[in-house]
């Protein structure tokens, strides 16, 4: 189940709520009970199976490795 990060505008606390994706846009009260919260945008890093951490560079020409046909 995904976790969503929120910040309380009243006290400044940042907290997470675990809920189904179907409830992703529902409001969440902060742990102190304030209702004036805002959902934060989270960044997610998804890596490949490369154990060394380095990502292979695409070969070919163009602005994006030739995949767009430019």
PDB file of N, CA and C in Angstrom:
ATOM      1  N   UNK A   1       0.850  -1.168   0.000  1.00  0.00           N
ATOM      2  CA  UNK A   1       0.000   0.000   0.000  1.00  0.00           C
ATOM      3  C   UNK A   1       0.905   1.242   0.000  1.00  0.00           C
ATOM      4  N   UNK A   2       0.604   2.223  -0.831  1.00  0.00           N
ATOM      5  CA  UNK A   2       1.468   3.405  -0.941  1.00  0.00           C
ATOM      6  C   UNK A   2       1.394   4.306   0.293  1.00  0.00           C
ATOM      7  N   UNK A   3       2.477   5.046   0.479  1.00  0.00           N
ATOM      8  CA  UNK A   3       2.554   6.048   1.542  1.00  0.00           C
ATOM      9  C   UNK A   3       2.527   7.425   0.910  1.00  0.00           C
ATOM     10  N   UNK A   4       1.796   8.324   1.531  1.00  0.00           N
ATOM     11  CA  UNK A   4       1.696   9.693   1.050  1.00  0.00           C
ATOM     12  C   UNK A   4       2.204  10.617   2.137  1.00  0.00           C
ATOM     13  N   UNK A   5       2.969  11.620   1.736  1.00  0.00           N
ATOM     14  CA  UNK A   5       3.566  12.552   2.685  1.00  0.00           C
ATOM     15  C   UNK A   5       2.757  13.844   2.711  1.00  0.00           C
ATOM     16  N   UNK A   6       2.512  14.339   3.903  1.00  0.00           N
ATOM     17  CA  UNK A   6       1.732  15.554   4.113  1.00  0.00           C
ATOM     18  C   UNK A   6       2.501  16.509   5.008  1.00  0.00           C
ATOM     19  N   UNK A   7       2.165  17.790   4.919  1.00  0.00           N
ATOM     20  CA  UNK A   7       2.694  18.800   5.834  1.00  0.00           C
ATOM     21  C   UNK A   7       1.520  19.578   6.406  1.00  0.00           C
ATOM     22  N   UNK A   8       1.570  19.790   7.710  1.00  0.00           N
ATOM     23  CA  UNK A   8       0.528  20.543   8.399  1.00  0.00           C
ATOM     24  C   UNK A   8       0.858  22.030   8.295  1.00  0.00           C
ATOM     25  N   UNK A   9      -0.095  22.812   7.839  1.00  0.00           N
ATOM     26  CA  UNK A   9       0.118  24.251   7.718  1.00  0.00           C
ATOM     27  C   UNK A   9       0.043  24.940   9.081  1.00  0.00           C
ATOM     28  N   UNK A  10      -0.634  24.334  10.037  1.00  0.00           N
ATOM     29  CA  UNK A  10      -0.801  24.942  11.355  1.00  0.00           C
ATOM     30  C   UNK A  10       0.464  24.796  12.215  1.00  0.00           C
ATOM     31  N   UNK A  11       1.037  23.588  12.270  1.00  0.00           N
ATOM     32  CA  UNK A  11       2.192  23.364  13.156  1.00  0.00           C
ATOM     33  C   UNK A  11       3.487  23.086  12.408  1.00  0.00           C
ATOM     34  N   UNK A  12       3.423  22.871  11.074  1.00  0.00           N
ATOM     35  CA  UNK A  12       4.629  22.631  10.280  1.00  0.00           C
ATOM     36  C   UNK A  12       5.121  21.200  10.308  1.00  0.00           C
ATOM     37  N   UNK A  13       4.431  20.312  10.994  1.00  0.00           N
ATOM     38  CA  UNK A  13       4.834  18.915  11.080  1.00  0.00           C
ATOM     39  C   UNK A  13       4.689  18.237   9.718  1.00  0.00           C
ATOM     40  N   UNK A  14       5.652  17.381   9.365  1.00  0.00           N
ATOM     41  CA  UNK A  14       5.587  16.565   8.156  1.00  0.00           C
ATOM     42  C   UNK A  14       5.342  15.130   8.594  1.00  0.00           C
ATOM     43  N   UNK A  15       4.391  14.456   7.965  1.00  0.00           N
ATOM     44  CA  UNK A  15       4.027  13.102   8.365  1.00  0.00           C
ATOM     45  C   UNK A  15       3.601  12.295   7.153  1.00  0.00           C
ATOM     46  N   UNK A  16       3.557  10.975   7.315  1.00  0.00           N
ATOM     47  CA  UNK A  16       3.158  10.068   6.245  1.00  0.00           C
ATOM     48  C   UNK A  16       1.863   9.356   6.618  1.00  0.00           C
ATOM     49  N   UNK A  17       1.082   9.055   5.592  1.00  0.00           N
ATOM     50  CA  UNK A  17      -0.150   8.291   5.761  1.00  0.00           C
ATOM     51  C   UNK A  17      -0.120   7.149   4.754  1.00  0.00           C
ATOM     52  N   UNK A  18      -0.359   5.947   5.230  1.00  0.00           N
ATOM     53  CA  UNK A  18      -0.423   4.781   4.345  1.00  0.00           C
ATOM     54  C   UNK A  18      -1.889   4.500   4.061  1.00  0.00           C
ATOM     55  N   UNK A  19      -2.236   4.513   2.771  1.00  0.00           N
ATOM     56  CA  UNK A  19      -3.636   4.299   2.376  1.00  0.00           C
ATOM     57  C   UNK A  19      -3.686   3.780   0.946  1.00  0.00           C
ATOM     58  N   UNK A  20      -4.813   3.196   0.544  1.00  0.00           N
ATOM     59  CA  UNK A  20      -4.938   2.702  -0.831  1.00  0.00           C
ATOM     60  C   UNK A  20      -4.908   3.843  -1.846  1.00  0.00           C
ATOM     61  N   UNK A  21      -4.521   3.544  -3.059  1.00  0.00           N
ATOM     62  CA  UNK A  21      -4.457   4.547  -4.115  1.00  0.00           C
ATOM     63  C   UNK A  21      -5.821   5.170  -4.382  1.00  0.00           C
ATOM     64  N   UNK A  22      -6.883   4.444  -4.137  1.00  0.00           N
ATOM     65  CA  UNK A  22      -8.228   4.981  -4.346  1.00  0.00           C
ATOM     66  C   UNK A  22      -8.532   6.133  -3.391  1.00  0.00           C
ATOM     67  N   UNK A  23      -7.764   6.258  -2.297  1.00  0.00           N
ATOM     68  CA  UNK A  23      -7.945   7.337  -1.329  1.00  0.00           C
ATOM     69  C   UNK A  23      -6.795   8.338  -1.373  1.00  0.00           C
ATOM     70  N   UNK A  24      -6.056   8.355  -2.470  1.00  0.00           N
ATOM     71  CA  UNK A  24      -4.858   9.194  -2.576  1.00  0.00           C
ATOM     72  C   UNK A  24      -5.158  10.682  -2.423  1.00  0.00           C
ATOM     73  N   UNK A  25      -6.311  11.131  -2.853  1.00  0.00           N
ATOM     74  CA  UNK A  25      -6.629  12.559  -2.801  1.00  0.00           C
ATOM     75  C   UNK A  25      -7.445  12.962  -1.581  1.00  0.00           C
ATOM     76  N   UNK A  26      -7.682  12.033  -0.664  1.00  0.00           N
ATOM     77  CA  UNK A  26      -8.448  12.344   0.543  1.00  0.00           C
ATOM     78  C   UNK A  26      -7.603  13.190   1.491  1.00  0.00           C
ATOM     79  N   UNK A  27      -8.260  14.072   2.235  1.00  0.00           N
ATOM     80  CA  UNK A  27      -7.555  14.893   3.221  1.00  0.00           C
ATOM     81  C   UNK A  27      -7.057  14.021   4.366  1.00  0.00           C
ATOM     82  N   UNK A  28      -6.010  14.490   5.048  1.00  0.00           N
ATOM     83  CA  UNK A  28      -5.462  13.778   6.197  1.00  0.00           C
ATOM     84  C   UNK A  28      -5.170  14.775   7.307  1.00  0.00           C
ATOM     85  N   UNK A  29      -5.614  14.478   8.508  1.00  0.00           N
ATOM     86  CA  UNK A  29      -5.320  15.327   9.659  1.00  0.00           C
ATOM     87  C   UNK A  29      -3.915  14.991  10.171  1.00  0.00           C
ATOM     88  N   UNK A  30      -3.217  15.990  10.687  1.00  0.00           N
ATOM     89  CA  UNK A  30      -1.877  15.751  11.224  1.00  0.00           C
ATOM     90  C   UNK A  30      -1.988  15.033  12.572  1.00  0.00           C
ATOM     91  N   UNK A  31      -0.895  14.448  13.051  1.00  0.00           N
ATOM     92  CA  UNK A  31      -0.932  13.735  14.334  1.00  0.00           C
ATOM     93  C   UNK A  31      -1.377  14.619  15.505  1.00  0.00           C
ATOM     94  N   UNK A  32      -1.197  15.940  15.401  1.00  0.00           N
ATOM     95  CA  UNK A  32      -1.626  16.847  16.460  1.00  0.00           C
ATOM     96  C   UNK A  32      -3.112  17.189  16.341  1.00  0.00           C
ATOM     97  N   UNK A  33      -3.780  16.701  15.282  1.00  0.00           N
ATOM     98  CA  UNK A  33      -5.214  16.902  15.130  1.00  0.00           C
ATOM     99  C   UNK A  33      -5.628  18.063  14.242  1.00  0.00           C
ATOM    100  N   UNK A  34      -4.663  18.773  13.655  1.00  0.00           N
ATOM    101  CA  UNK A  34      -5.003  19.879  12.751  1.00  0.00           C
ATOM    102  C   UNK A  34      -5.487  19.337  11.408  1.00  0.00           C
ATOM    103  N   UNK A  35      -6.465  20.011  10.835  1.00  0.00           N
ATOM    104  CA  UNK A  35      -7.023  19.573   9.550  1.00  0.00           C
ATOM    105  C   UNK A  35      -6.451  20.312   8.348  1.00  0.00           C
ATOM    106  N   UNK A  36      -5.703  21.394   8.572  1.00  0.00           N
ATOM    107  CA  UNK A  36      -5.166  22.200   7.467  1.00  0.00           C
ATOM    108  C   UNK A  36      -3.836  21.608   7.007  1.00  0.00           C
ATOM    109  N   UNK A  37      -3.913  20.575   6.168  1.00  0.00           N
ATOM    110  CA  UNK A  37      -2.711  19.896   5.685  1.00  0.00           C
ATOM    111  C   UNK A  37      -2.659  19.940   4.169  1.00  0.00           C
ATOM    112  N   UNK A  38      -1.474  19.734   3.634  1.00  0.00           N
ATOM    113  CA  UNK A  38      -1.276  19.711   2.192  1.00  0.00           C
ATOM    114  C   UNK A  38      -0.438  18.480   1.850  1.00  0.00           C
ATOM    115  N   UNK A  39      -0.838  17.793   0.783  1.00  0.00           N
ATOM    116  CA  UNK A  39      -0.105  16.612   0.319  1.00  0.00           C
ATOM    117  C   UNK A  39       1.127  17.074  -0.438  1.00  0.00           C
ATOM    118  N   UNK A  40       2.274  16.498  -0.100  1.00  0.00           N
ATOM    119  CA  UNK A  40       3.530  16.866  -0.735  1.00  0.00           C
ATOM    120  C   UNK A  40       3.799  15.967  -1.936  1.00  0.00           C
ATOM    121  N   UNK A  41       4.529  16.490  -2.893  1.00  0.00           N
ATOM    122  CA  UNK A  41       4.957  15.692  -4.037  1.00  0.00           C
ATOM    123  C   UNK A  41       6.216  14.945  -3.653  1.00  0.00           C
ATOM    124  N   UNK A  42       6.191  13.662  -3.819  1.00  0.00           N
ATOM    125  CA  UNK A  42       7.340  12.838  -3.474  1.00  0.00           C
ATOM    126  C   UNK A  42       8.089  12.447  -4.734  1.00  0.00           C
ATOM    127  N   UNK A  43       9.387  12.319  -4.605  1.00  0.00           N
ATOM    128  CA  UNK A  43      10.190  11.833  -5.717  1.00  0.00           C
ATOM    129  C   UNK A  43      10.548  10.383  -5.446  1.00  0.00           C
ATOM    130  N   UNK A  44      10.491   9.583  -6.471  1.00  0.00           N
ATOM    131  CA  UNK A  44      10.784   8.167  -6.339  1.00  0.00           C
ATOM    132  C   UNK A  44      11.897   7.833  -7.312  1.00  0.00           C
ATOM    133  N   UNK A  45      12.919   7.187  -6.811  1.00  0.00           N
ATOM    134  CA  UNK A  45      14.014   6.738  -7.673  1.00  0.00           C
ATOM    135  C   UNK A  45      13.833   5.252  -7.933  1.00  0.00           C
ATOM    136  N   UNK A  46      13.750   4.893  -9.184  1.00  0.00           N
ATOM    137  CA  UNK A  46      13.606   3.499  -9.553  1.00  0.00           C
ATOM    138  C   UNK A  46      14.832   3.122 -10.353  1.00  0.00           C
ATOM    139  N   UNK A  47      15.568   2.182  -9.825  1.00  0.00           N
ATOM    140  CA  UNK A  47      16.805   1.769 -10.489  1.00  0.00           C
ATOM    141  C   UNK A  47      16.624   0.472 -11.240  1.00  0.00           C
ATOM    142  N   UNK A  48      17.549   0.228 -12.149  1.00  0.00           N
ATOM    143  CA  UNK A  48      17.533  -1.027 -12.880  1.00  0.00           C
ATOM    144  C   UNK A  48      18.209  -2.112 -12.068  1.00  0.00           C
ATOM    145  N   UNK A  49      18.487  -3.192 -12.672  1.00  0.00           N
ATOM    146  CA  UNK A  49      19.104  -4.318 -11.998  1.00  0.00           C
ATOM    147  C   UNK A  49      20.612  -4.235 -11.967  1.00  0.00           C
ATOM    148  N   UNK A  50      21.193  -3.108 -12.267  1.00  0.00           N
ATOM    149  CA  UNK A  50      22.633  -2.945 -12.310  1.00  0.00           C
ATOM    150  C   UNK A  50      23.172  -2.800 -10.896  1.00  0.00           C
ATOM    151  N   UNK A  51      23.936  -3.784 -10.420  1.00  0.00           N
ATOM    152  CA  UNK A  51      24.433  -3.773  -9.047  1.00  0.00           C
ATOM    153  C   UNK A  51      25.445  -2.670  -8.813  1.00  0.00           C
ATOM    154  N   UNK A  52      26.139  -2.219  -9.829  1.00  0.00           N
ATOM    155  CA  UNK A  52      27.146  -1.186  -9.672  1.00  0.00           C
ATOM    156  C   UNK A  52      26.560   0.206  -9.542  1.00  0.00           C
ATOM    157  N   UNK A  53      25.298   0.384  -9.827  1.00  0.00           N
ATOM    158  CA  UNK A  53      24.651   1.676  -9.698  1.00  0.00           C
ATOM    159  C   UNK A  53      24.738   2.543 -10.940  1.00  0.00           C
ATOM    160  N   UNK A  54      25.679   2.268 -11.832  1.00  0.00           N
ATOM    161  CA  UNK A  54      25.822   3.080 -13.045  1.00  0.00           C
ATOM    162  C   UNK A  54      24.803   2.616 -14.080  1.00  0.00           C
ATOM    163  N   UNK A  55      24.150   3.561 -14.697  1.00  0.00           N
ATOM    164  CA  UNK A  55      23.175   3.238 -15.721  1.00  0.00           C
ATOM    165  C   UNK A  55      23.851   3.237 -17.084  1.00  0.00           C
ATOM    166  N   UNK A  56      23.573   2.246 -17.914  1.00  0.00           N
ATOM    167  CA  UNK A  56      24.172   2.230 -19.249  1.00  0.00           C
ATOM    168  C   UNK A  56      23.626   3.370 -20.095  1.00  0.00           C
ATOM    169  N   UNK A  57      24.469   3.950 -20.902  1.00  0.00           N
ATOM    170  CA  UNK A  57      24.061   5.042 -21.781  1.00  0.00           C
ATOM    171  C   UNK A  57      23.577   4.462 -23.107  1.00  0.00           C
ATOM    172  N   UNK A  58      22.492   5.031 -23.634  1.00  0.00           N
ATOM    173  CA  UNK A  58      22.006   4.533 -24.920  1.00  0.00           C
ATOM    174  C   UNK A  58      23.000   4.857 -26.026  1.00  0.00           C
ATOM    175  N   UNK A  59      23.078   3.981 -26.980  1.00  0.00           N
ATOM    176  CA  UNK A  59      23.964   4.231 -28.105  1.00  0.00           C
ATOM    177  C   UNK A  59      23.149   4.805 -29.257  1.00  0.00           C
ATOM    178  N   UNK A  60      23.815   5.446 -30.149  1.00  0.00           N
ATOM    179  CA  UNK A  60      23.127   6.035 -31.290  1.00  0.00           C
ATOM    180  C   UNK A  60      23.203   7.539 -31.236  1.00  0.00           C
ATOM    181  N   UNK A  61      22.696   8.173 -32.263  1.00  0.00           N
ATOM    182  CA  UNK A  61      22.781   9.620 -32.348  1.00  0.00           C
ATOM    183  C   UNK A  61      21.478  10.293 -31.966  1.00  0.00           C
ATOM    184  N   UNK A  62      21.417  11.549 -32.198  1.00  0.00           N
ATOM    185  CA  UNK A  62      20.220  12.306 -31.909  1.00  0.00           C
ATOM    186  C   UNK A  62      20.164  12.785 -30.475  1.00  0.00           C
ATOM    187  N   UNK A  63      19.115  13.510 -30.171  1.00  0.00           N
ATOM    188  CA  UNK A  63      18.993  14.124 -28.866  1.00  0.00           C
ATOM    189  C   UNK A  63      18.659  13.110 -27.779  1.00  0.00           C
ATOM    190  N   UNK A  64      18.116  11.972 -28.141  1.00  0.00           N
ATOM    191  CA  UNK A  64      17.697  11.004 -27.119  1.00  0.00           C
ATOM    192  C   UNK A  64      18.127   9.594 -27.467  1.00  0.00           C
ATOM    193  N   UNK A  65      19.278   9.468 -28.039  1.00  0.00           N
ATOM    194  CA  UNK A  65      19.787   8.149 -28.348  1.00  0.00           C
ATOM    195  C   UNK A  65      19.229   7.547 -29.632  1.00  0.00           C
ATOM    196  N   UNK A  66      18.537   8.333 -30.424  1.00  0.00           N
ATOM    197  CA  UNK A  66      18.041   7.846 -31.696  1.00  0.00           C
ATOM    198  C   UNK A  66      16.660   7.207 -31.646  1.00  0.00           C
ATOM    199  N   UNK A  67      16.089   7.041 -30.449  1.00  0.00           N
ATOM    200  CA  UNK A  67      14.808   6.370 -30.344  1.00  0.00           C
ATOM    201  C   UNK A  67      13.652   7.203 -30.917  1.00  0.00           C
ATOM    202  N   UNK A  68      13.801   8.513 -30.934  1.00  0.00           N
ATOM    203  CA  UNK A  68      12.704   9.348 -31.424  1.00  0.00           C
ATOM    204  C   UNK A  68      12.783   9.578 -32.928  1.00  0.00           C
ATOM    205  N   UNK A  69      13.835   9.122 -33.561  1.00  0.00           N
ATOM    206  CA  UNK A  69      13.961   9.250 -34.987  1.00  0.00           C
ATOM    207  C   UNK A  69      14.451  10.596 -35.468  1.00  0.00           C
ATOM    208  N   UNK A  70      14.997  11.399 -34.555  1.00  0.00           N
ATOM    209  CA  UNK A  70      15.474  12.731 -34.956  1.00  0.00           C
ATOM    210  C   UNK A  70      16.894  12.677 -35.485  1.00  0.00           C
TER     211      UNK A  70
END
